[in-house]
Amino acid sequence: MNIQEEILIPLGINKLNKGTATGQNFYASENAETIEICSPVDGKAIASISLTTKEEYEQVIASAQSAFEVWRKIPAPKRGEIVRQYGNVLRKYKDALGKLVSYEMGKSLQEGLGEVQEMIDICDLAVGLSRQLNGLTMHSERPNHRMYEQYHPLGIVGIISAFNFPVAVWSWNSMIAAVCGDVCVWKPSEKTPLSALACQNLMTEVLKDNHLPEGIFCLINGKANVGEWMSHDERIPLVSATGSTRMGRAVGTALAQRFGKALLELGGNNAIILSENANLDLAMIGVVFGAVGTAGQRCTTTRRLIVHESIYDTVKQKLVKAYSQLSIGNPLTGNLVGPLIDTAAVNAFSEALQALQEQGGQLIYGGETMQGLGFESGCYVKPAICEAENHFPIVQSETFAPILYLMKYKNLDDAIAMQNNVKQGLSSSIFTQNIQEAEHFLSAWGSDCGIANVNIGTSGAEIGGAFGGEKETGGGRESGSDSWKVYMRRQTNTINYGKELPLAQGIKFDL
């Protein structure tokens, strides 16, 4: 495959790309730092990016502020029309963008294409939402009064996205925020900026065709310092940040200090419970994809497998057999498992396995770093299966790599307690054919996660439901359901259409 001709040129990416964009304009300072972006697939350089300077950042924010004054006054269904057009552009370039995501990030081509499809789906959802930004009406206790609530746009929404979903998470936020009347400033991961630049290039054409202000959708490339600027910037009322718990704690603290709004999507330490009543043929598909999909680099990756003691040995044998059949290699050529994002992630993988064994666990399959022809980037590993105890420190933390910890349970309450006994609370699952077990798992005394599934894995959420988790996962909700409300400010309105001024609660105040 010719990367330049099939992917980069159609998406408007050159060898050197300026790091700051507002719609149709790019800013680049002569003294801006430049970084080279290499693919974890083959280790080759793709292109270079110039990072945003503080001066450029100020230009972008000013442009976004100006655009908001126009965008907020456009009727929501008309804003939805712009999102609809962008969805159609994504359909046109789905193949090229999906390949770029796969090549730049390392996920399988099917997952890369699926991520772009997720963007298309959220555009469709947002278009419908643009005609349904509903408030409530309520009865006043005072005669000749009417009460209702309505929602107004916030202003600038800052979006900080992670490398593992380099485009989809931006679309979850930006497409919903756009129909709500907000403008967006996007800081993608410095590990995957080219996929973001491609999305910006496609949006630029939509804005240009509709004669809209350049600052409605903005892109800035930078490192952690840019995220700090956004978090402390009082001109940005909401920052949506996806990434590690450590990053989220810094962002959340900065926003809390200035009474800004935070939407945090942070770490996961997700578990699947395998009941003795599970359909194991069904379960193995969910477990293996959940554990090795995106090479274990999803926030919803299955990291712990809690298995009933009566089927534990059978499950272990099935898993080892399934893992031995996984194809590992170039994700653009049909392999199921691609590389980790970089060699630092490989080192973290190896260090976690060493820590596990030092803490009393056992590696029962995988764990090697792949070498030789096709693995020249040094980013490929063989997914690992381990036996462990839930209280091990390494099990309690999130390692962003394909490591699956197996552990036993005797009764369902014990299994649920084990699942819940971590600091993260994103995704969870149980496989069982027993309806009582399923309902128990979904009850108020069951899973404490934001996502709880029955007979499907922890990975692969649909955009129709709100996505997010509790505890150190951050408490944020994105995508479907009523998550649009976080991008707007709520206003309660009371109208007195009578000729008297009665006070609430029967208070008398006569002049």
Protein backbone atom coordinates (compact mmCIF):
# COMPACT_ATOMS: atom_id res chain seq x y z
CA MET A 1 0.00 0.00 0.00
CA ASN A 2 1.24 3.46 -0.90
CA ILE A 3 0.61 5.40 2.32
CA GLN A 4 1.23 8.77 0.71
CA GLU A 5 -1.14 8.28 -2.24
CA GLU A 6 -3.89 6.22 -0.59
CA ILE A 7 -4.10 7.99 2.75
CA LEU A 8 -2.18 11.19 3.27
CA ILE A 9 -2.78 13.10 0.05
CA PRO A 10 -6.57 12.51 -0.04
CA LEU A 11 -6.78 13.75 3.56
CA GLY A 12 -4.69 16.86 2.92
CA ILE A 13 -1.67 15.81 4.98
CA ASN A 14 1.80 16.89 3.90
CA LYS A 15 5.25 15.98 5.15
CA LEU A 16 5.25 19.05 7.42
CA ASN A 17 1.96 20.10 9.00
CA LYS A 18 1.32 23.27 10.93
CA GLY A 19 0.00 22.58 14.36
CA THR A 20 -2.78 25.09 14.85
CA ALA A 21 -5.93 25.44 12.82
CA THR A 22 -9.19 27.34 13.02
CA GLY A 23 -11.39 26.34 10.16
CA GLN A 24 -9.73 27.68 7.05
CA ASN A 25 -6.69 29.35 8.64
CA PHE A 26 -3.49 27.78 9.93
CA TYR A 27 -1.03 29.56 12.18
CA ALA A 28 2.59 28.53 12.52
CA SER A 29 5.31 30.39 14.34
CA GLU A 30 8.83 30.22 12.98
CA ASN A 31 10.13 29.21 16.40
CA ALA A 32 7.51 26.49 17.00
CA GLU A 33 8.77 23.09 18.15
CA THR A 34 8.44 20.33 15.56
CA ILE A 35 7.96 16.64 16.30
CA GLU A 36 8.12 13.68 13.95
CA ILE A 37 5.22 11.23 13.95
CA CYS A 38 6.21 7.59 13.40
CA SER A 39 3.90 4.63 12.90
CA PRO A 40 4.06 1.84 15.49
CA VAL A 41 3.15 -0.52 12.64
CA ASP A 42 6.54 -0.36 10.91
CA GLY A 43 8.48 2.35 12.76
CA LYS A 44 8.57 4.61 9.72
CA ALA A 45 8.13 8.36 9.88
CA ILE A 46 4.78 9.53 8.49
CA ALA A 47 5.01 13.30 8.75
CA SER A 48 6.07 16.11 11.07
CA ILE A 49 3.90 18.40 13.18
CA SER A 50 4.70 21.87 14.48
CA LEU A 51 3.39 22.35 18.00
CA THR A 52 1.19 25.26 19.03
CA THR A 53 2.86 28.23 20.67
CA LYS A 54 1.17 30.36 23.34
CA GLU A 55 0.76 33.18 20.84
CA GLU A 56 -1.00 30.86 18.40
CA TYR A 57 -3.16 29.51 21.21
CA GLU A 58 -4.37 33.03 21.96
CA GLN A 59 -5.22 33.53 18.29
CA VAL A 60 -7.25 30.34 18.23
CA ILE A 61 -9.21 31.20 21.37
CA ALA A 62 -9.97 34.67 20.01
CA SER A 63 -11.18 33.13 16.76
CA ALA A 64 -13.37 30.66 18.65
CA GLN A 65 -14.88 33.43 20.77
CA SER A 66 -15.74 35.41 17.67
CA ALA A 67 -17.25 32.38 15.93
CA PHE A 68 -19.41 31.59 18.96
CA GLU A 69 -21.20 34.92 18.63
CA VAL A 70 -22.36 33.83 15.17
CA TRP A 71 -22.84 30.10 15.74
CA ARG A 72 -24.98 30.44 18.87
CA LYS A 73 -27.56 32.50 16.91
CA ILE A 74 -27.99 29.94 14.14
CA PRO A 75 -31.06 27.75 14.80
CA ALA A 76 -30.18 24.32 16.15
CA PRO A 77 -31.64 22.43 13.14
CA LYS A 78 -29.45 24.54 10.85
CA ARG A 79 -26.44 23.65 13.00
CA GLY A 80 -27.51 20.04 12.61
CA GLU A 81 -27.38 20.47 8.85
CA ILE A 82 -23.67 21.28 9.07
CA VAL A 83 -23.12 18.14 11.14
CA ARG A 84 -25.11 16.15 8.55
CA GLN A 85 -22.83 17.40 5.79
CA TYR A 86 -19.77 16.46 7.80
CA GLY A 87 -21.16 12.96 8.27
CA ASN A 88 -21.49 12.64 4.51
CA VAL A 89 -17.90 13.80 4.03
CA LEU A 90 -16.80 11.11 6.49
CA ARG A 91 -18.68 8.52 4.45
CA LYS A 92 -16.75 9.62 1.37
CA TYR A 93 -13.37 9.41 3.09
CA LYS A 94 -14.10 6.53 5.47
CA ASP A 95 -11.61 4.16 3.86
CA ALA A 96 -8.70 6.63 3.83
CA LEU A 97 -9.36 7.93 7.34
CA GLY A 98 -9.84 4.43 8.74
CA LYS A 99 -6.49 3.37 7.24
CA LEU A 100 -4.79 6.44 8.68
CA VAL A 101 -6.17 5.69 12.16
CA SER A 102 -4.94 2.11 11.85
CA TYR A 103 -1.50 3.09 10.56
CA GLU A 104 -0.89 5.98 12.95
CA MET A 105 -2.30 4.34 16.09
CA GLY A 106 -1.78 0.63 15.40
CA LYS A 107 -5.28 -0.79 15.81
CA SER A 108 -6.59 -3.34 13.31
CA LEU A 109 -7.99 -2.01 10.06
CA GLN A 110 -11.45 -3.27 11.00
CA GLU A 111 -11.25 -1.28 14.21
CA GLY A 112 -9.97 1.78 12.36
CA LEU A 113 -12.86 1.65 9.91
CA GLY A 114 -15.21 1.00 12.83
CA GLU A 115 -13.96 4.12 14.57
CA VAL A 116 -14.80 6.25 11.53
CA GLN A 117 -18.21 4.56 11.33
CA GLU A 118 -18.71 5.56 14.95
CA MET A 119 -18.07 9.16 13.90
CA ILE A 120 -20.68 8.83 11.16
CA ASP A 121 -23.15 7.35 13.64
CA ILE A 122 -22.68 10.18 16.13
CA CYS A 123 -23.25 12.69 13.34
CA ASP A 124 -26.57 11.00 12.60
CA LEU A 125 -27.49 11.05 16.28
CA ALA A 126 -26.55 14.72 16.59
CA VAL A 127 -28.62 15.68 13.54
CA GLY A 128 -31.72 14.19 15.14
CA LEU A 129 -30.82 15.75 18.46
CA SER A 130 -30.69 19.20 16.85
CA ARG A 131 -34.49 19.15 16.77
CA GLN A 132 -34.90 17.72 20.28
CA LEU A 133 -33.02 19.96 22.72
CA ASN A 134 -36.03 19.86 25.00
CA GLY A 135 -36.63 21.53 28.33
CA LEU A 136 -39.49 20.91 30.76
CA THR A 137 -42.61 22.83 31.68
CA MET A 138 -43.95 22.73 35.20
CA HIS A 139 -46.91 24.13 37.12
CA SER A 140 -46.32 27.20 39.23
CA GLU A 141 -47.72 27.41 42.74
CA ARG A 142 -48.62 31.04 42.01
CA PRO A 143 -51.71 31.98 39.99
CA ASN A 144 -51.23 33.37 36.48
CA HIS A 145 -47.64 32.21 36.33
CA ARG A 146 -45.93 29.84 33.90
CA MET A 147 -42.69 28.02 34.56
CA TYR A 148 -40.38 26.22 32.20
CA GLU A 149 -36.71 25.45 31.69
CA GLN A 150 -34.56 25.79 28.62
CA TYR A 151 -30.98 25.10 27.62
CA HIS A 152 -28.46 27.53 26.15
CA PRO A 153 -24.98 26.90 24.72
CA LEU A 154 -21.99 27.27 27.03
CA GLY A 155 -19.48 28.81 24.64
CA ILE A 156 -16.09 27.23 23.94
CA VAL A 157 -15.78 23.51 24.67
CA GLY A 158 -12.21 22.29 25.09
CA ILE A 159 -11.63 18.70 24.02
CA ILE A 160 -8.53 16.75 25.07
CA SER A 161 -8.49 13.31 23.44
CA ALA A 162 -6.27 10.25 23.84
CA PHE A 163 -4.27 8.26 21.30
CA ASN A 164 -6.29 5.04 21.49
CA PHE A 165 -9.39 6.56 19.86
CA PRO A 166 -7.78 9.40 17.93
CA VAL A 167 -10.94 10.58 16.14
CA ALA A 168 -14.11 9.00 17.58
CA VAL A 169 -13.99 10.58 21.03
CA TRP A 170 -13.55 14.03 19.48
CA SER A 171 -16.67 13.45 17.41
CA TRP A 172 -18.66 12.30 20.45
CA ASN A 173 -17.97 15.66 22.01
CA SER A 174 -17.76 18.03 19.07
CA MET A 175 -20.78 16.92 17.06
CA ILE A 176 -23.06 17.02 20.10
CA ALA A 177 -21.56 20.32 21.29
CA ALA A 178 -21.97 21.81 17.82
CA VAL A 179 -25.72 21.20 17.57
CA CYS A 180 -25.98 22.59 21.10
CA GLY A 181 -24.51 25.85 19.79
CA ASP A 182 -21.00 25.55 21.21
CA VAL A 183 -17.71 25.94 19.39
CA CYS A 184 -14.87 23.48 19.96
CA VAL A 185 -11.12 23.67 20.51
CA TRP A 186 -9.50 20.26 20.13
CA LYS A 187 -6.15 19.15 21.51
CA PRO A 188 -5.49 15.60 20.27
CA SER A 189 -2.82 13.33 21.66
CA GLU A 190 0.65 14.28 20.50
CA LYS A 191 1.03 10.58 19.59
CA THR A 192 -1.75 10.66 16.97
CA PRO A 193 -2.10 14.22 15.64
CA LEU A 194 -2.31 13.32 11.96
CA SER A 195 -5.68 11.61 12.26
CA ALA A 196 -6.93 14.75 14.01
CA LEU A 197 -5.49 16.95 11.29
CA ALA A 198 -7.32 14.88 8.69
CA CYS A 199 -10.62 15.41 10.52
CA GLN A 200 -9.92 19.14 10.70
CA ASN A 201 -9.13 19.28 6.98
CA LEU A 202 -12.45 17.61 6.15
CA MET A 203 -14.34 19.96 8.46
CA THR A 204 -12.60 22.93 6.89
CA GLU A 205 -14.22 22.14 3.55
CA VAL A 206 -17.67 21.93 5.11
CA LEU A 207 -17.22 25.29 6.86
CA LYS A 208 -15.89 26.88 3.70
CA ASP A 209 -18.77 25.57 1.56
CA ASN A 210 -21.29 27.02 4.01
CA HIS A 211 -19.52 30.40 4.44
CA LEU A 212 -19.23 29.89 8.19
CA PRO A 213 -16.72 31.43 10.64
CA GLU A 214 -13.38 29.73 10.82
CA GLY A 215 -13.39 29.29 14.59
CA ILE A 216 -16.38 26.94 15.02
CA PHE A 217 -14.06 23.92 14.98
CA CYS A 218 -10.44 24.50 16.00
CA LEU A 219 -7.42 22.24 16.28
CA ILE A 220 -4.29 22.80 18.34
CA ASN A 221 -1.37 20.39 18.52
CA GLY A 222 0.75 20.28 21.61
CA LYS A 223 1.94 18.43 24.66
CA ALA A 224 0.67 18.53 28.24
CA ASN A 225 1.33 22.28 28.48
CA VAL A 226 -1.48 22.98 25.99
CA GLY A 227 -3.89 20.95 28.10
CA GLU A 228 -2.82 23.02 31.09
CA TRP A 229 -3.56 26.24 29.20
CA MET A 230 -7.03 24.98 28.39
CA SER A 231 -7.75 23.76 31.91
CA HIS A 232 -6.82 27.11 33.46
CA ASP A 233 -8.45 29.26 30.76
CA GLU A 234 -11.61 30.94 32.10
CA ARG A 235 -12.73 31.56 28.53
CA ILE A 236 -13.36 27.82 28.21
CA PRO A 237 -16.33 26.94 30.45
CA LEU A 238 -16.15 23.18 29.78
CA VAL A 239 -13.19 20.89 29.20
CA SER A 240 -13.82 17.30 28.17
CA ALA A 241 -10.70 15.23 28.83
CA THR A 242 -10.08 11.60 27.98
CA GLY A 243 -6.97 9.85 29.26
CA SER A 244 -5.30 8.58 32.38
CA THR A 245 -6.55 9.11 35.91
CA ARG A 246 -3.39 11.09 36.62
CA MET A 247 -4.15 13.48 33.77
CA GLY A 248 -7.80 13.73 34.78
CA ARG A 249 -6.91 14.61 38.34
CA ALA A 250 -4.79 17.53 37.13
CA VAL A 251 -7.46 18.76 34.71
CA GLY A 252 -10.27 18.34 37.22
CA THR A 253 -8.38 20.18 39.94
CA ALA A 254 -7.60 23.13 37.67
CA LEU A 255 -11.23 23.39 36.54
CA ALA A 256 -12.58 23.10 40.08
CA GLN A 257 -10.36 25.96 41.22
CA ARG A 258 -11.96 28.28 38.67
CA PHE A 259 -15.46 26.71 38.91
CA GLY A 260 -15.26 25.41 35.34
CA LYS A 261 -17.07 22.28 34.20
CA ALA A 262 -15.19 19.03 33.69
CA LEU A 263 -16.25 16.01 31.66
CA LEU A 264 -13.73 13.32 32.54
CA GLU A 265 -13.38 9.92 30.84
CA LEU A 266 -10.44 8.26 32.57
CA GLY A 267 -9.07 4.82 33.37
CA GLY A 268 -10.81 1.49 33.52
CA ASN A 269 -10.06 -1.78 35.30
CA ASN A 270 -12.85 -3.77 33.77
CA ALA A 271 -13.93 -7.27 34.72
CA ILE A 272 -16.02 -10.02 33.22
CA ILE A 273 -17.68 -12.52 35.54
CA LEU A 274 -18.06 -16.01 34.06
CA SER A 275 -20.84 -17.85 35.86
CA GLU A 276 -21.05 -21.63 35.98
CA ASN A 277 -24.26 -21.00 33.99
CA ALA A 278 -22.45 -19.18 31.18
CA ASN A 279 -22.50 -20.19 27.53
CA LEU A 280 -18.73 -20.53 27.21
CA ASP A 281 -18.66 -20.57 23.40
CA LEU A 282 -20.41 -17.20 23.45
CA ALA A 283 -18.32 -15.90 26.32
CA MET A 284 -14.94 -16.68 24.74
CA ILE A 285 -15.61 -14.31 21.85
CA GLY A 286 -16.44 -11.44 24.22
CA VAL A 287 -13.55 -12.19 26.55
CA VAL A 288 -10.86 -12.47 23.89
CA PHE A 289 -11.95 -9.40 21.92
CA GLY A 290 -12.32 -7.44 25.14
CA ALA A 291 -8.83 -8.43 26.29
CA VAL A 292 -6.82 -8.09 23.06
CA GLY A 293 -8.84 -5.65 20.91
CA THR A 294 -6.77 -2.54 20.15
CA ALA A 295 -3.90 -4.52 21.73
CA GLY A 296 -5.40 -3.95 25.16
CA GLN A 297 -5.32 -0.16 24.74
CA ARG A 298 -8.98 0.62 25.33
CA CYS A 299 -10.36 2.17 28.48
CA THR A 300 -12.98 -0.61 28.26
CA THR A 301 -10.43 -3.40 27.78
CA THR A 302 -11.17 -6.56 29.78
CA ARG A 303 -8.38 -6.71 32.36
CA ARG A 304 -9.82 -9.13 34.92
CA LEU A 305 -11.69 -12.40 34.33
CA ILE A 306 -13.51 -13.64 37.43
CA VAL A 307 -14.39 -17.29 36.85
CA HIS A 308 -16.54 -19.67 38.87
CA GLU A 309 -14.29 -22.32 40.40
CA SER A 310 -16.24 -25.20 38.80
CA ILE A 311 -15.33 -24.06 35.25
CA TYR A 312 -11.99 -22.37 35.94
CA ASP A 313 -9.72 -25.05 34.44
CA THR A 314 -11.93 -25.41 31.36
CA VAL A 315 -11.92 -21.64 30.79
CA LYS A 316 -8.15 -21.46 31.17
CA GLN A 317 -7.66 -24.18 28.57
CA LYS A 318 -10.06 -22.48 26.13
CA LEU A 319 -8.31 -19.15 26.56
CA VAL A 320 -4.83 -20.55 25.94
CA LYS A 321 -6.11 -22.26 22.80
CA ALA A 322 -7.81 -19.05 21.56
CA TYR A 323 -4.74 -16.90 22.29
CA SER A 324 -2.48 -19.34 20.45
CA GLN A 325 -4.56 -18.75 17.31
CA LEU A 326 -4.37 -14.94 17.38
CA SER A 327 -2.70 -13.36 14.37
CA ILE A 328 -0.24 -10.67 15.45
CA GLY A 329 1.30 -8.23 13.01
CA ASN A 330 0.61 -5.40 10.60
CA PRO A 331 -2.96 -4.31 11.41
CA LEU A 332 -3.57 -3.15 7.83
CA THR A 333 -3.21 -6.67 6.43
CA GLY A 334 -5.90 -8.51 8.35
CA ASN A 335 -4.11 -9.30 11.61
CA LEU A 336 -6.29 -9.20 14.73
CA VAL A 337 -3.65 -7.79 17.07
CA GLY A 338 -1.49 -4.84 16.08
CA PRO A 339 1.27 -3.03 17.93
CA LEU A 340 1.25 -1.06 21.14
CA ILE A 341 1.49 2.68 20.58
CA ASP A 342 5.23 2.92 21.30
CA THR A 343 8.17 1.22 22.97
CA ALA A 344 7.37 2.93 26.28
CA ALA A 345 4.08 1.00 26.30
CA VAL A 346 6.00 -2.22 25.59
CA ASN A 347 8.25 -1.52 28.58
CA ALA A 348 5.19 -0.91 30.79
CA PHE A 349 3.76 -4.25 29.60
CA SER A 350 6.94 -6.13 30.52
CA GLU A 351 7.31 -4.35 33.84
CA ALA A 352 3.71 -5.18 34.78
CA LEU A 353 4.28 -8.88 34.12
CA GLN A 354 7.45 -8.82 36.21
CA ALA A 355 5.61 -7.07 39.05
CA LEU A 356 2.81 -9.62 38.86
CA GLN A 357 5.21 -12.51 39.37
CA GLU A 358 6.99 -10.69 42.19
CA GLN A 359 3.63 -10.21 43.91
CA GLY A 360 2.79 -13.94 43.71
CA GLY A 361 1.00 -14.24 40.37
CA GLN A 362 1.81 -16.55 37.49
CA LEU A 363 2.20 -15.94 33.77
CA ILE A 364 0.53 -18.85 31.96
CA TYR A 365 0.65 -17.65 28.35
CA GLY A 366 2.29 -14.95 26.22
CA GLY A 367 4.16 -11.94 27.50
CA GLU A 368 6.96 -11.92 24.93
CA THR A 369 8.07 -8.96 22.85
CA MET A 370 7.78 -9.90 19.19
CA GLN A 371 10.97 -9.73 17.13
CA GLY A 372 12.08 -10.40 13.57
CA LEU A 373 10.59 -9.72 10.17
CA GLY A 374 7.44 -7.62 10.38
CA PHE A 375 8.09 -6.53 13.96
CA GLU A 376 10.87 -4.01 13.30
CA SER A 377 9.12 -1.17 15.15
CA GLY A 378 9.65 -2.97 18.46
CA CYS A 379 6.04 -2.28 19.47
CA TYR A 380 4.53 -5.77 19.13
CA VAL A 381 3.89 -8.10 22.07
CA LYS A 382 2.18 -11.43 22.54
CA PRO A 383 -0.96 -10.87 24.67
CA ALA A 384 -0.59 -12.34 28.14
CA ILE A 385 -2.81 -14.51 30.32
CA CYS A 386 -1.99 -14.54 34.02
CA GLU A 387 -3.28 -16.08 37.23
CA ALA A 388 -3.61 -13.48 39.95
CA GLU A 389 -5.42 -12.31 43.05
CA ASN A 390 -7.63 -9.23 42.94
CA HIS A 391 -5.75 -7.52 45.78
CA PHE A 392 -2.36 -7.56 44.02
CA PRO A 393 -1.18 -3.95 43.55
CA ILE A 394 -0.50 -4.55 39.85
CA VAL A 395 -4.03 -5.90 39.38
CA GLN A 396 -5.49 -2.90 41.17
CA SER A 397 -3.83 -0.52 38.69
CA GLU A 398 -4.47 -0.14 34.98
CA THR A 399 -1.76 -1.28 32.59
CA PHE A 400 -2.61 -0.07 29.09
CA ALA A 401 -1.59 -3.31 27.39
CA PRO A 402 -3.03 -6.78 26.64
CA ILE A 403 -2.75 -8.46 30.03
CA LEU A 404 -5.67 -10.57 31.27
CA TYR A 405 -5.76 -11.56 34.95
CA LEU A 406 -7.65 -14.76 35.84
CA MET A 407 -9.11 -15.34 39.30
CA LYS A 408 -11.65 -17.70 40.91
CA TYR A 409 -14.88 -17.16 42.84
CA LYS A 410 -17.29 -19.38 44.76
CA ASN A 411 -20.55 -17.41 44.84
CA LEU A 412 -21.91 -14.46 42.87
CA ASP A 413 -21.80 -11.95 45.72
CA ASP A 414 -18.09 -12.66 46.12
CA ALA A 415 -17.55 -12.18 42.39
CA ILE A 416 -19.37 -8.86 42.35
CA ALA A 417 -17.42 -7.71 45.41
CA MET A 418 -14.18 -8.59 43.64
CA GLN A 419 -15.25 -6.77 40.52
CA ASN A 420 -16.18 -3.65 42.46
CA ASN A 421 -13.10 -3.69 44.66
CA VAL A 422 -10.95 -1.48 42.43
CA LYS A 423 -10.67 2.30 42.24
CA GLN A 424 -12.01 2.48 38.68
CA GLY A 425 -15.62 1.99 37.65
CA LEU A 426 -16.06 2.07 33.90
CA SER A 427 -17.28 -1.16 32.27
CA SER A 428 -18.35 -4.55 33.58
CA SER A 429 -19.98 -7.72 32.31
CA ILE A 430 -21.41 -11.06 33.34
CA PHE A 431 -21.97 -14.10 31.17
CA THR A 432 -24.82 -16.24 32.48
CA GLN A 433 -27.93 -17.99 31.21
CA ASN A 434 -29.54 -17.55 34.65
CA ILE A 435 -31.90 -14.56 34.69
CA GLN A 436 -31.70 -14.23 38.47
CA GLU A 437 -27.91 -13.87 38.28
CA ALA A 438 -28.22 -11.34 35.47
CA GLU A 439 -30.72 -9.19 37.34
CA HIS A 440 -28.70 -9.42 40.55
CA PHE A 441 -25.64 -8.17 38.67
CA LEU A 442 -27.63 -5.19 37.29
CA SER A 443 -29.27 -4.27 40.59
CA ALA A 444 -28.33 -1.42 42.90
CA TRP A 445 -26.23 -3.87 44.92
CA GLY A 446 -24.58 -5.32 41.82
CA SER A 447 -22.01 -3.75 39.51
CA ASP A 448 -20.88 -0.26 40.54
CA CYS A 449 -19.72 0.64 37.03
CA GLY A 450 -21.17 3.16 34.60
CA ILE A 451 -21.59 0.34 32.07
CA ALA A 452 -22.93 -3.08 33.05
CA ASN A 453 -23.52 -5.74 30.39
CA VAL A 454 -25.03 -9.20 30.28
CA ASN A 455 -23.74 -11.77 27.77
CA ILE A 456 -21.58 -9.27 25.93
CA GLY A 457 -18.07 -8.12 26.75
CA THR A 458 -16.81 -4.94 28.36
CA SER A 459 -15.74 -3.40 25.03
CA GLY A 460 -17.75 -2.06 22.12
CA ALA A 461 -20.28 0.46 23.47
CA GLU A 462 -22.92 1.82 21.10
CA ILE A 463 -23.30 5.56 20.63
CA GLY A 464 -27.00 5.56 21.62
CA GLY A 465 -26.24 5.10 25.30
CA ALA A 466 -24.34 7.45 27.59
CA PHE A 467 -20.71 6.36 27.89
CA GLY A 468 -18.71 6.81 31.07
CA GLY A 469 -17.95 5.49 34.52
CA GLU A 470 -17.71 6.16 38.22
CA LYS A 471 -15.02 6.53 40.88
CA GLU A 472 -11.59 7.25 39.36
CA THR A 473 -13.05 6.85 35.89
CA GLY A 474 -14.22 10.42 36.42
CA GLY A 475 -18.02 10.38 36.40
CA GLY A 476 -18.39 11.93 32.94
CA ARG A 477 -20.92 10.89 30.32
CA GLU A 478 -20.53 11.30 26.57
CA SER A 479 -22.32 10.31 23.38
CA GLY A 480 -26.00 9.28 23.62
CA SER A 481 -28.93 9.44 26.02
CA ASP A 482 -29.18 12.91 27.63
CA SER A 483 -25.43 13.51 27.79
CA TRP A 484 -26.00 16.57 25.56
CA LYS A 485 -27.04 18.50 28.65
CA VAL A 486 -23.45 18.80 29.89
CA TYR A 487 -22.64 20.98 26.87
CA MET A 488 -25.36 23.49 27.75
CA ARG A 489 -26.39 25.69 30.64
CA ARG A 490 -29.81 25.16 32.16
CA GLN A 491 -32.08 28.14 32.73
CA THR A 492 -35.35 28.17 34.69
CA ASN A 493 -37.88 30.76 33.49
CA THR A 494 -40.96 32.06 35.28
CA ILE A 495 -43.43 34.35 33.53
CA ASN A 496 -46.07 36.35 35.39
CA TYR A 497 -48.90 37.12 32.98
CA GLY A 498 -51.25 38.38 35.68
CA LYS A 499 -51.82 41.82 37.23
CA GLU A 500 -50.64 40.96 40.74
CA LEU A 501 -47.28 39.91 42.18
CA PRO A 502 -47.82 37.00 44.58
CA LEU A 503 -44.65 35.64 46.17
CA ALA A 504 -43.68 31.99 46.43
CA GLN A 505 -44.25 30.06 49.66
CA GLY A 506 -47.13 32.45 50.49
CA ILE A 507 -44.82 35.21 51.69
CA LYS A 508 -46.59 38.55 52.19
CA PHE A 509 -44.76 41.72 51.26
CA ASP A 510 -47.08 44.72 50.84
CA LEU A 511 -45.92 48.27 50.29
